[in-house]
Amino acid sequence: MIVTSGVMEEAEVESVSMNPLGRKGAAMATSQEQLCIFGTGDLGRSLGLRLLQSGYRVAYGSRRPHSCGPLPEGSRVMSHEAAAKAARLIFICVHREHYTFMETLAPYLKGKVLVDLSNNLKKGMYPEPNAAYLQSLVPGATVVKGLNTLSAWALQKGLLTGKQVCLCGDSKRAKQAVAEVATKMGLTVLDRGALSAAQELEDFPLQLFPEWRLPLRIAVGLTAFFFFYLFIRDVIYAYVEEEKDISYRIMVSLANKVFPIVSLVMLSLCYLPGVIAAFFQLYRGTKYKRFPNWLDRWMLCRKQMGLVALGFAFLHAIYTFIIPIRYSVRHALISRVVDEMKNNKTTPFDFDYTEAWGTDSFYVLGILGFFLYVLLGLTSLPSVGGSLSWREFSFIQSKLGHLTLLICTAHGYIYGWNKFLRLSTYKWYTPPGYMLCLVVPSVVLVLKMLILLPCVDRTLTRIRQGWERSPSNATEKSTATNL
């Protein structure tokens, strides 16, 4: 970088009060590249702090150099003109509505690289992308859109290692210069092409949980379906057939039936696409053909489905804990004790131990399933999963995941082990909710067991290692057999 001595003198005069390193520190930093930031707000200050920590010198351009508030220690502040002269790479950390001042700086910005970090409040707010608008204001400069997904909080806390950022621009050399700075900050850079892709980059931060939409829609749909289904089977049936008003059960009892049902189905849907993908590979005899779009989308949101399932499992556990303190439960227990005292008799213990074994097994499986649920949820966190090797992560998410599904399914089967053949279980000829929810996990487990058969597993392993079933392979095999 070439800087004239006059510019350096002007910069030193304007920034001496802001530079705690003094002239000696400035001399020591001459070997470091100087970067410029337009904007002294939260984002600008946080970006400057991160650049200083990465070994760069930082100069701020401000319209009020002497009253712009506290800036990171070691940075300098000067006028926009002086800052534009002092650096070849300038980060624009101001809102689009304040871009007009850069028209007057066009002579000073000629040949510079401007990195546009701006975002809008909503999509379609302006007719053209902010980066394109900035390029039209300063045609002599080269605009690169990028780093707009970084927040001031993440920059301050240093939570950038491995984080992916996108860049786009018409100059390959300018993008390379920005990418070098981003890489030195600990970021992973993805080149998205020309500046025409700026609209896509600016819309990305405005997306609201795009990967959660499908899991949440499925969860809401399942919750609504089973709630109304059980409402008709339990509450409406009791009112019509038995002339009992048990509507008070809606808040706790009915909800505590819906939560585990939705949780188990969502957990099953988390592992079902992997099984379907395996059968696709077995059928095609190769791993190099793309899955259908619906399966791709399904597989990409498996983590979110699992976390939603964990959330419903938490609700089920909390609701179960409050059951003994409910008024209706306490009233029924007290009434039973009073009746036994009046009649001078007690309910005999089941010396067959069938009920005791069933109840204890039901609770133990529920506790173990919930424990594994939480373990799966913890390892899905980036901070935890990143500390595991691929084999460890795969073992927990796949092996223990299917074990969790097996235990939770067994938990449901034991709940109704003595009710499947009772006619009274099928109110209005409809099966209870727990029977319906066992269909999907049972299918997943059966298909998974088929895949684990030695002959099937061996073929699938070969396919995933790169082997392809083709006519040439079949010819070679037959030739080898004849020999």
Protein backbone atom coordinates (compact mmCIF):
# COMPACT_ATOMS: atom_id res chain seq x y z
CA MET A 1 0.00 0.00 0.00
CA ILE A 2 1.37 3.42 -0.96
CA VAL A 3 0.44 6.41 1.18
CA THR A 4 1.77 9.94 0.67
CA SER A 5 3.56 11.60 3.54
CA GLY A 6 1.13 14.49 3.52
CA VAL A 7 -1.77 12.17 4.13
CA MET A 8 0.07 10.43 6.95
CA GLU A 9 0.83 13.75 8.62
CA GLU A 10 -2.81 14.80 8.37
CA ALA A 11 -3.96 11.46 9.75
CA GLU A 12 -1.54 11.67 12.67
CA VAL A 13 -2.63 15.20 13.57
CA GLU A 14 -6.31 14.26 13.56
CA SER A 15 -5.90 11.01 15.47
CA VAL A 16 -3.17 11.67 18.03
CA SER A 17 -5.71 12.16 20.80
CA MET A 18 -7.39 8.84 19.96
CA ASN A 19 -4.22 6.76 19.66
CA PRO A 20 -2.98 5.62 23.07
CA LEU A 21 0.07 4.05 21.45
CA GLY A 22 1.50 7.47 20.58
CA ARG A 23 4.07 8.14 17.84
CA LYS A 24 6.20 5.17 18.90
CA GLY A 25 3.28 2.78 18.53
CA ALA A 26 2.39 4.29 15.15
CA ALA A 27 5.95 3.73 13.92
CA MET A 28 5.84 0.10 15.05
CA ALA A 29 2.59 -0.44 13.15
CA THR A 30 3.82 0.86 9.77
CA SER A 31 4.36 -2.72 8.56
CA GLN A 32 0.71 -3.57 9.20
CA GLU A 33 -1.94 -2.89 6.58
CA GLN A 34 -4.35 -0.11 7.43
CA LEU A 35 -8.06 -0.61 6.86
CA CYS A 36 -10.76 2.03 6.95
CA ILE A 37 -14.27 1.88 8.38
CA PHE A 38 -17.00 4.37 7.54
CA GLY A 39 -19.42 4.32 10.45
CA THR A 40 -18.81 4.52 14.19
CA GLY A 41 -21.95 2.73 15.38
CA ASP A 42 -22.14 -0.64 17.11
CA LEU A 43 -21.25 -2.62 13.99
CA GLY A 44 -18.41 -0.32 13.01
CA ARG A 45 -16.87 -0.35 16.49
CA SER A 46 -17.20 -4.15 16.80
CA LEU A 47 -15.70 -4.72 13.34
CA GLY A 48 -12.81 -2.39 14.16
CA LEU A 49 -12.11 -4.26 17.38
CA ARG A 50 -11.99 -7.58 15.53
CA LEU A 51 -9.71 -6.18 12.82
CA LEU A 52 -7.33 -4.82 15.47
CA GLN A 53 -7.26 -8.23 17.14
CA SER A 54 -6.44 -9.76 13.74
CA GLY A 55 -3.34 -7.59 13.38
CA TYR A 56 -4.58 -4.74 11.18
CA ARG A 57 -4.41 -1.01 11.76
CA VAL A 58 -7.83 0.59 11.75
CA ALA A 59 -8.84 4.12 10.83
CA TYR A 60 -12.40 5.38 11.19
CA GLY A 61 -13.93 7.92 8.85
CA SER A 62 -16.45 10.16 10.58
CA ARG A 63 -18.26 13.40 9.87
CA ARG A 64 -17.56 14.36 13.48
CA PRO A 65 -14.04 13.08 14.18
CA HIS A 66 -13.78 14.81 17.56
CA SER A 67 -17.16 13.78 18.98
CA CYS A 68 -17.99 10.31 17.68
CA GLY A 69 -17.88 8.49 21.01
CA PRO A 70 -15.49 5.83 22.34
CA LEU A 71 -13.75 3.67 19.75
CA PRO A 72 -11.62 0.52 20.14
CA GLU A 73 -8.27 1.12 21.76
CA GLY A 74 -5.55 1.43 19.14
CA SER A 75 -7.79 2.77 16.36
CA ARG A 76 -7.67 6.22 14.81
CA VAL A 77 -10.45 8.56 13.76
CA MET A 78 -10.31 11.17 11.03
CA SER A 79 -12.46 12.84 8.43
CA HIS A 80 -13.97 10.81 5.61
CA GLU A 81 -11.60 12.34 3.08
CA ALA A 82 -8.47 11.58 5.10
CA ALA A 83 -9.65 8.05 5.92
CA ALA A 84 -10.42 7.35 2.25
CA LYS A 85 -6.90 8.42 1.28
CA ALA A 86 -5.24 6.38 4.01
CA ALA A 87 -6.58 2.90 3.06
CA ARG A 88 -7.26 0.85 -0.04
CA LEU A 89 -9.97 -1.26 1.62
CA ILE A 90 -12.95 0.53 3.16
CA PHE A 91 -15.77 -1.12 5.10
CA ILE A 92 -19.10 0.69 4.78
CA CYS A 93 -20.99 0.26 8.08
CA VAL A 94 -23.71 2.85 7.54
CA HIS A 95 -27.34 2.54 6.46
CA ARG A 96 -28.30 2.95 2.84
CA GLU A 97 -30.18 6.19 3.49
CA HIS A 98 -26.87 7.81 4.49
CA TYR A 99 -24.94 6.73 1.37
CA THR A 100 -25.38 10.07 -0.41
CA PHE A 101 -22.40 11.67 1.37
CA MET A 102 -20.11 9.33 -0.59
CA GLU A 103 -20.94 11.11 -3.85
CA THR A 104 -18.81 14.01 -2.64
CA LEU A 105 -16.01 11.56 -1.82
CA ALA A 106 -15.95 10.04 -5.33
CA PRO A 107 -12.53 11.55 -6.22
CA TYR A 108 -10.98 10.14 -3.04
CA LEU A 109 -12.62 6.71 -3.47
CA LYS A 110 -11.45 6.15 -7.03
CA GLY A 111 -9.65 2.81 -7.23
CA LYS A 112 -10.65 1.82 -3.69
CA VAL A 113 -12.45 -1.35 -2.65
CA LEU A 114 -15.69 -0.67 -0.78
CA VAL A 115 -17.15 -3.52 1.28
CA ASP A 116 -20.90 -3.01 1.75
CA LEU A 117 -22.12 -4.55 5.05
CA SER A 118 -25.57 -2.98 5.02
CA ASN A 119 -28.90 -4.77 5.46
CA ASN A 120 -32.48 -3.59 5.11
CA LEU A 121 -35.43 -3.88 7.47
CA LYS A 122 -37.52 -5.92 5.03
CA LYS A 123 -37.36 -7.50 1.59
CA GLY A 124 -38.14 -5.35 -1.43
CA MET A 125 -37.59 -2.14 0.50
CA TYR A 126 -35.67 -0.57 -2.40
CA PRO A 127 -35.84 -1.16 -6.17
CA GLU A 128 -32.19 -2.24 -6.39
CA PRO A 129 -29.72 -3.85 -3.99
CA ASN A 130 -27.82 -1.57 -1.65
CA ALA A 131 -24.50 -2.64 -3.15
CA ALA A 132 -25.66 -1.76 -6.68
CA TYR A 133 -26.88 1.62 -5.45
CA LEU A 134 -23.52 2.26 -3.78
CA GLN A 135 -21.69 1.32 -6.99
CA SER A 136 -23.80 3.83 -8.93
CA LEU A 137 -22.88 6.59 -6.46
CA VAL A 138 -19.15 5.85 -6.64
CA PRO A 139 -18.50 4.43 -10.14
CA GLY A 140 -14.74 4.81 -9.79
CA ALA A 141 -14.59 2.42 -6.82
CA THR A 142 -15.06 -1.35 -6.73
CA VAL A 143 -17.92 -2.51 -4.53
CA VAL A 144 -17.93 -5.92 -2.86
CA LYS A 145 -21.02 -7.11 -1.01
CA GLY A 146 -20.33 -9.30 1.99
CA LEU A 147 -19.91 -9.80 5.74
CA ASN A 148 -23.49 -8.53 6.15
CA THR A 149 -24.45 -11.64 8.13
CA LEU A 150 -22.07 -10.71 10.97
CA SER A 151 -23.63 -9.16 14.06
CA ALA A 152 -21.97 -6.70 16.39
CA TRP A 153 -22.40 -9.15 19.26
CA ALA A 154 -20.63 -12.00 17.42
CA LEU A 155 -17.78 -9.67 16.45
CA GLN A 156 -17.33 -8.47 20.03
CA LYS A 157 -17.39 -11.97 21.53
CA GLY A 158 -15.11 -13.41 18.84
CA LEU A 159 -17.63 -16.11 17.85
CA LEU A 160 -16.40 -16.21 14.26
CA THR A 161 -14.23 -19.33 13.96
CA GLY A 162 -15.56 -21.44 11.12
CA LYS A 163 -18.53 -19.14 10.47
CA GLN A 164 -19.30 -18.91 6.76
CA VAL A 165 -19.74 -15.55 5.04
CA CYS A 166 -20.57 -14.85 1.42
CA LEU A 167 -19.01 -12.33 -0.95
CA CYS A 168 -20.04 -11.11 -4.36
CA GLY A 169 -18.54 -8.53 -6.68
CA ASP A 170 -17.47 -7.87 -10.26
CA SER A 171 -13.74 -7.76 -9.49
CA LYS A 172 -11.99 -11.01 -8.66
CA ARG A 173 -9.00 -9.14 -7.25
CA ALA A 174 -11.20 -7.04 -4.95
CA LYS A 175 -13.01 -10.13 -3.65
CA GLN A 176 -9.68 -11.81 -3.04
CA ALA A 177 -8.52 -8.84 -0.96
CA VAL A 178 -11.69 -8.93 1.15
CA ALA A 179 -11.48 -12.72 1.46
CA GLU A 180 -7.92 -12.46 2.86
CA VAL A 181 -9.10 -10.10 5.58
CA ALA A 182 -12.12 -12.29 6.39
CA THR A 183 -9.96 -15.42 6.56
CA LYS A 184 -7.55 -13.69 8.93
CA MET A 185 -10.55 -12.89 11.15
CA GLY A 186 -11.31 -16.63 11.36
CA LEU A 187 -14.15 -16.70 8.83
CA THR A 188 -14.83 -19.14 6.00
CA VAL A 189 -15.51 -17.34 2.73
CA LEU A 190 -17.85 -18.43 -0.05
CA ASP A 191 -17.72 -16.60 -3.39
CA ARG A 192 -21.23 -16.09 -4.76
CA GLY A 193 -20.18 -14.56 -8.07
CA ALA A 194 -20.86 -11.14 -9.54
CA LEU A 195 -22.41 -8.13 -7.83
CA SER A 196 -25.77 -9.09 -9.36
CA ALA A 197 -26.04 -11.66 -6.51
CA ALA A 198 -26.11 -8.85 -3.94
CA GLN A 199 -29.90 -9.00 -3.62
CA GLU A 200 -29.73 -12.63 -2.52
CA LEU A 201 -27.05 -11.83 0.06
CA GLU A 202 -29.03 -8.88 1.41
CA ASP A 203 -32.21 -10.95 1.70
CA PHE A 204 -30.50 -13.78 3.58
CA PRO A 205 -30.36 -12.04 7.02
CA LEU A 206 -34.07 -11.20 6.67
CA GLN A 207 -35.10 -14.86 6.57
CA LEU A 208 -36.96 -16.02 9.66
CA PHE A 209 -35.99 -19.59 10.64
CA PRO A 210 -36.13 -21.02 7.09
CA GLU A 211 -34.94 -24.47 8.19
CA TRP A 212 -37.54 -24.61 10.96
CA ARG A 213 -40.61 -23.94 8.85
CA LEU A 214 -41.25 -27.50 7.68
CA PRO A 215 -40.68 -29.11 11.12
CA LEU A 216 -42.86 -26.52 12.83
CA ARG A 217 -45.64 -26.92 10.28
CA ILE A 218 -45.59 -30.69 10.72
CA ALA A 219 -45.57 -30.33 14.52
CA VAL A 220 -48.46 -27.86 14.48
CA GLY A 221 -50.44 -30.07 12.10
CA LEU A 222 -49.88 -33.19 14.21
CA THR A 223 -50.74 -31.32 17.41
CA ALA A 224 -53.99 -29.96 15.97
CA PHE A 225 -55.00 -33.34 14.51
CA PHE A 226 -54.38 -35.39 17.65
CA PHE A 227 -55.85 -32.74 19.95
CA PHE A 228 -59.18 -32.70 18.13
CA TYR A 229 -59.09 -36.46 17.62
CA LEU A 230 -58.61 -37.11 21.34
CA PHE A 231 -61.05 -34.34 22.22
CA ILE A 232 -63.76 -36.18 20.30
CA ARG A 233 -62.78 -39.62 21.63
CA ASP A 234 -62.47 -38.62 25.28
CA VAL A 235 -64.46 -35.48 26.06
CA ILE A 236 -67.26 -35.62 23.48
CA TYR A 237 -67.68 -39.38 23.85
CA ALA A 238 -68.00 -39.12 27.64
CA TYR A 239 -70.55 -36.32 27.31
CA VAL A 240 -72.69 -38.10 24.69
CA GLU A 241 -72.46 -41.74 25.73
CA GLU A 242 -71.88 -41.52 29.48
CA GLU A 243 -73.41 -38.08 30.19
CA LYS A 244 -70.26 -36.95 31.99
CA ASP A 245 -68.66 -33.53 31.71
CA ILE A 246 -64.90 -34.09 31.85
CA SER A 247 -63.96 -30.95 29.96
CA TYR A 248 -61.61 -30.00 32.81
CA ARG A 249 -59.22 -32.67 31.48
CA ILE A 250 -58.52 -30.64 28.36
CA MET A 251 -55.84 -28.48 29.97
CA VAL A 252 -53.66 -31.22 31.46
CA SER A 253 -54.79 -34.78 30.74
CA LEU A 254 -55.60 -34.23 27.08
CA ALA A 255 -52.49 -32.12 26.49
CA ASN A 256 -50.33 -34.73 28.22
CA LYS A 257 -51.60 -37.31 25.74
CA VAL A 258 -50.91 -35.11 22.73
CA PHE A 259 -47.34 -34.09 23.67
CA PRO A 260 -45.80 -37.59 23.80
CA ILE A 261 -47.66 -38.63 20.66
CA VAL A 262 -46.30 -35.68 18.65
CA SER A 263 -42.85 -36.14 20.17
CA LEU A 264 -42.64 -39.81 19.15
CA VAL A 265 -43.94 -39.17 15.63
CA MET A 266 -41.51 -36.27 15.13
CA LEU A 267 -38.61 -38.42 16.34
CA SER A 268 -39.67 -41.11 13.87
CA LEU A 269 -39.81 -38.58 11.05
CA CYS A 270 -36.28 -37.55 11.99
CA TYR A 271 -34.94 -41.03 11.15
CA LEU A 272 -37.37 -42.10 8.42
CA PRO A 273 -35.71 -40.12 5.58
CA GLY A 274 -32.35 -41.80 6.26
CA VAL A 275 -34.01 -45.21 5.86
CA ILE A 276 -35.76 -44.11 2.67
CA ALA A 277 -32.46 -42.76 1.30
CA ALA A 278 -30.79 -46.12 1.98
CA PHE A 279 -33.47 -47.96 -0.01
CA PHE A 280 -33.07 -45.44 -2.86
CA GLN A 281 -29.35 -46.22 -2.97
CA LEU A 282 -29.97 -49.96 -2.87
CA TYR A 283 -32.52 -49.71 -5.68
CA ARG A 284 -30.33 -47.52 -7.89
CA GLY A 285 -27.11 -49.33 -7.03
CA THR A 286 -25.18 -46.07 -6.67
CA LYS A 287 -24.74 -43.13 -4.34
CA TYR A 288 -23.99 -40.63 -7.09
CA LYS A 289 -27.59 -39.95 -8.16
CA ARG A 290 -29.41 -37.14 -6.43
CA PHE A 291 -32.37 -37.89 -4.21
CA PRO A 292 -35.76 -36.38 -5.06
CA ASN A 293 -36.16 -32.76 -3.99
CA TRP A 294 -38.72 -33.63 -1.31
CA LEU A 295 -36.31 -36.12 0.25
CA ASP A 296 -33.41 -33.65 0.10
CA ARG A 297 -35.48 -31.02 1.85
CA TRP A 298 -36.66 -33.55 4.42
CA MET A 299 -33.12 -34.70 5.21
CA LEU A 300 -31.85 -31.13 5.60
CA CYS A 301 -34.29 -30.39 8.43
CA ARG A 302 -33.80 -33.60 10.45
CA LYS A 303 -31.92 -31.75 13.18
CA GLN A 304 -34.77 -29.28 13.61
CA MET A 305 -37.31 -32.13 13.70
CA GLY A 306 -35.34 -33.81 16.45
CA LEU A 307 -35.16 -30.63 18.50
CA VAL A 308 -38.91 -30.05 18.12
CA ALA A 309 -39.46 -33.64 19.28
CA LEU A 310 -37.24 -32.95 22.29
CA GLY A 311 -39.30 -29.87 23.12
CA PHE A 312 -42.53 -31.88 23.16
CA ALA A 313 -40.81 -34.55 25.28
CA PHE A 314 -39.88 -31.84 27.81
CA LEU A 315 -43.51 -30.70 27.95
CA HIS A 316 -44.62 -34.29 28.50
CA ALA A 317 -42.15 -34.71 31.39
CA ILE A 318 -43.22 -31.45 33.06
CA TYR A 319 -46.93 -32.23 32.69
CA THR A 320 -46.35 -35.70 34.14
CA PHE A 321 -44.72 -34.22 37.23
CA ILE A 322 -47.74 -32.01 37.99
CA ILE A 323 -50.32 -34.79 37.68
CA PRO A 324 -50.21 -35.81 41.41
CA ILE A 325 -50.94 -32.24 42.56
CA ARG A 326 -54.01 -31.75 40.36
CA TYR A 327 -57.31 -31.24 42.16
CA SER A 328 -59.09 -34.08 40.39
CA VAL A 329 -56.33 -36.58 41.19
CA ARG A 330 -56.14 -35.56 44.85
CA HIS A 331 -59.93 -35.69 45.14
CA ALA A 332 -60.10 -39.18 43.62
CA LEU A 333 -57.34 -40.46 45.90
CA ILE A 334 -58.93 -39.04 49.05
CA SER A 335 -62.35 -40.39 48.06
CA ARG A 336 -60.90 -43.84 47.52
CA VAL A 337 -59.23 -43.84 50.94
CA VAL A 338 -62.44 -42.67 52.62
CA ASP A 339 -64.49 -45.35 50.87
CA GLU A 340 -62.08 -48.07 51.96
CA MET A 341 -62.21 -46.83 55.56
CA LYS A 342 -66.01 -46.76 55.54
CA ASN A 343 -66.25 -50.26 54.10
CA ASN A 344 -63.41 -51.51 56.30
CA LYS A 345 -61.54 -53.09 53.41
CA THR A 346 -58.51 -52.40 51.32
CA THR A 347 -57.67 -52.99 47.69
CA PRO A 348 -55.61 -56.19 47.55
CA PHE A 349 -52.14 -56.00 46.07
CA ASP A 350 -51.70 -57.80 42.78
CA PHE A 351 -49.54 -60.70 43.94
CA ASP A 352 -49.23 -61.71 40.31
CA TYR A 353 -46.96 -58.63 40.05
CA THR A 354 -48.14 -58.12 36.48
CA GLU A 355 -49.41 -54.60 37.10
CA ALA A 356 -46.36 -53.72 39.21
CA TRP A 357 -43.94 -54.97 36.56
CA GLY A 358 -45.82 -53.18 33.80
CA THR A 359 -45.96 -49.86 35.66
CA ASP A 360 -42.32 -49.91 36.68
CA SER A 361 -41.18 -50.91 33.19
CA PHE A 362 -43.29 -48.13 31.71
CA TYR A 363 -41.70 -45.48 33.94
CA VAL A 364 -38.14 -46.81 33.54
CA LEU A 365 -38.36 -46.82 29.76
CA GLY A 366 -39.78 -43.31 29.84
CA ILE A 367 -36.88 -42.06 31.99
CA LEU A 368 -34.24 -43.78 29.83
CA GLY A 369 -35.84 -42.51 26.64
CA PHE A 370 -35.95 -38.95 27.95
CA PHE A 371 -32.30 -39.16 29.05
CA LEU A 372 -31.22 -40.26 25.57
CA TYR A 373 -33.45 -37.57 24.08
CA VAL A 374 -31.54 -34.91 26.02
CA LEU A 375 -28.20 -36.47 25.04
CA LEU A 376 -29.14 -36.28 21.37
CA GLY A 377 -30.22 -32.67 21.79
CA LEU A 378 -26.97 -31.66 23.50
CA THR A 379 -24.75 -33.25 20.86
CA SER A 380 -26.66 -31.42 18.12
CA LEU A 381 -25.38 -28.10 19.50
CA PRO A 382 -22.43 -26.83 17.41
CA SER A 383 -20.31 -26.17 20.50
CA VAL A 384 -20.73 -29.80 21.64
CA GLY A 385 -20.84 -31.56 18.29
CA GLY A 386 -17.73 -29.69 17.14
CA SER A 387 -15.72 -31.26 19.96
CA LEU A 388 -16.61 -34.80 18.82
CA SER A 389 -14.98 -36.81 16.07
CA TRP A 390 -17.11 -37.83 13.12
CA ARG A 391 -17.30 -41.41 14.40
CA GLU A 392 -18.38 -40.26 17.87
CA PHE A 393 -20.98 -37.89 16.45
CA SER A 394 -22.31 -40.56 14.09
CA PHE A 395 -22.48 -43.11 16.90
CA ILE A 396 -24.56 -40.81 19.11
CA GLN A 397 -26.87 -39.44 16.43
CA SER A 398 -27.39 -42.71 14.56
CA LYS A 399 -26.87 -45.66 16.91
CA LEU A 400 -28.11 -44.01 20.09
CA GLY A 401 -30.75 -42.18 18.09
CA HIS A 402 -32.32 -45.40 16.87
CA LEU A 403 -31.97 -46.84 20.39
CA THR A 404 -33.89 -43.82 21.69
CA LEU A 405 -36.61 -44.44 19.13
CA LEU A 406 -36.76 -48.12 20.13
CA ILE A 407 -37.01 -47.35 23.86
CA CYS A 408 -39.67 -44.66 23.38
CA THR A 409 -41.68 -46.98 21.12
CA ALA A 410 -41.46 -49.74 23.73
CA HIS A 411 -42.60 -47.15 26.29
CA GLY A 412 -45.74 -46.66 24.21
CA TYR A 413 -46.37 -50.37 23.70
CA ILE A 414 -46.10 -51.12 27.42
CA TYR A 415 -48.55 -48.28 28.13
CA GLY A 416 -51.25 -50.16 26.24
CA TRP A 417 -50.07 -53.75 26.49
CA ASN A 418 -53.31 -54.92 28.13
CA LYS A 419 -55.64 -52.62 26.21
CA PHE A 420 -55.13 -53.61 22.58
CA LEU A 421 -57.75 -56.41 22.64
CA ARG A 422 -60.34 -54.69 24.83
CA LEU A 423 -63.46 -53.59 22.98
CA SER A 424 -63.90 -50.70 25.42
CA THR A 425 -60.60 -49.25 24.16
CA TYR A 426 -62.12 -48.49 20.74
CA LYS A 427 -64.60 -45.72 21.48
CA TRP A 428 -66.91 -45.21 18.53
CA TYR A 429 -64.76 -47.85 16.80
CA THR A 430 -61.74 -45.55 16.75
CA PRO A 431 -58.31 -46.58 18.11
CA PRO A 432 -56.75 -44.52 20.89
CA GLY A 433 -54.10 -41.94 20.05
CA TYR A 434 -51.15 -43.93 21.35
CA MET A 435 -51.97 -46.76 18.93
CA LEU A 436 -51.94 -44.40 15.98
CA CYS A 437 -48.63 -42.83 17.02
CA LEU A 438 -46.95 -46.25 17.20
CA VAL A 439 -47.46 -46.89 13.47
CA VAL A 440 -44.71 -44.60 12.13
CA PRO A 441 -41.96 -45.54 14.64
CA SER A 442 -42.77 -49.24 14.19
CA VAL A 443 -42.39 -48.89 10.42
CA VAL A 444 -39.07 -47.04 10.84
CA LEU A 445 -37.70 -49.71 13.19
CA VAL A 446 -38.76 -52.58 10.93
CA LEU A 447 -37.17 -50.94 7.88
CA LYS A 448 -34.01 -50.22 9.86
CA MET A 449 -33.79 -53.87 10.92
CA LEU A 450 -34.08 -54.91 7.27
CA ILE A 451 -31.17 -52.64 6.40
CA LEU A 452 -29.11 -54.15 9.22
CA LEU A 453 -29.42 -57.65 7.76
CA PRO A 454 -25.87 -58.76 6.83
CA CYS A 455 -26.60 -59.23 3.12
CA VAL A 456 -28.30 -55.83 2.83
CA ASP A 457 -25.83 -53.98 5.04
CA ARG A 458 -22.86 -55.37 3.08
CA THR A 459 -24.27 -54.17 -0.24
CA LEU A 460 -25.22 -50.76 1.15
CA THR A 461 -21.74 -50.30 2.65
CA ARG A 462 -20.12 -51.05 -0.72
CA ILE A 463 -22.40 -48.56 -2.47
CA ARG A 464 -21.56 -45.83 0.04
CA GLN A 465 -17.87 -46.54 -0.48
CA GLY A 466 -18.20 -45.77 -4.19
CA TRP A 467 -19.18 -49.10 -5.76
CA GLU A 468 -21.82 -48.90 -8.49
CA ARG A 469 -24.06 -51.62 -9.85
CA SER A 470 -23.90 -51.44 -13.63
CA PRO A 471 -23.93 -53.84 -16.61
CA SER A 472 -20.14 -53.65 -16.80
CA ASN A 473 -19.87 -54.74 -13.17
CA ALA A 474 -22.21 -57.65 -13.82
CA THR A 475 -20.16 -58.72 -16.87
CA GLU A 476 -16.93 -58.58 -14.91
CA LYS A 477 -18.49 -60.62 -12.12
CA SER A 478 -19.72 -63.32 -14.49
CA THR A 479 -16.34 -63.49 -16.21
CA ALA A 480 -14.56 -63.87 -12.89
CA THR A 481 -16.98 -66.64 -11.92
CA ASN A 482 -16.32 -68.58 -15.15
CA LEU A 483 -12.59 -68.32 -14.65
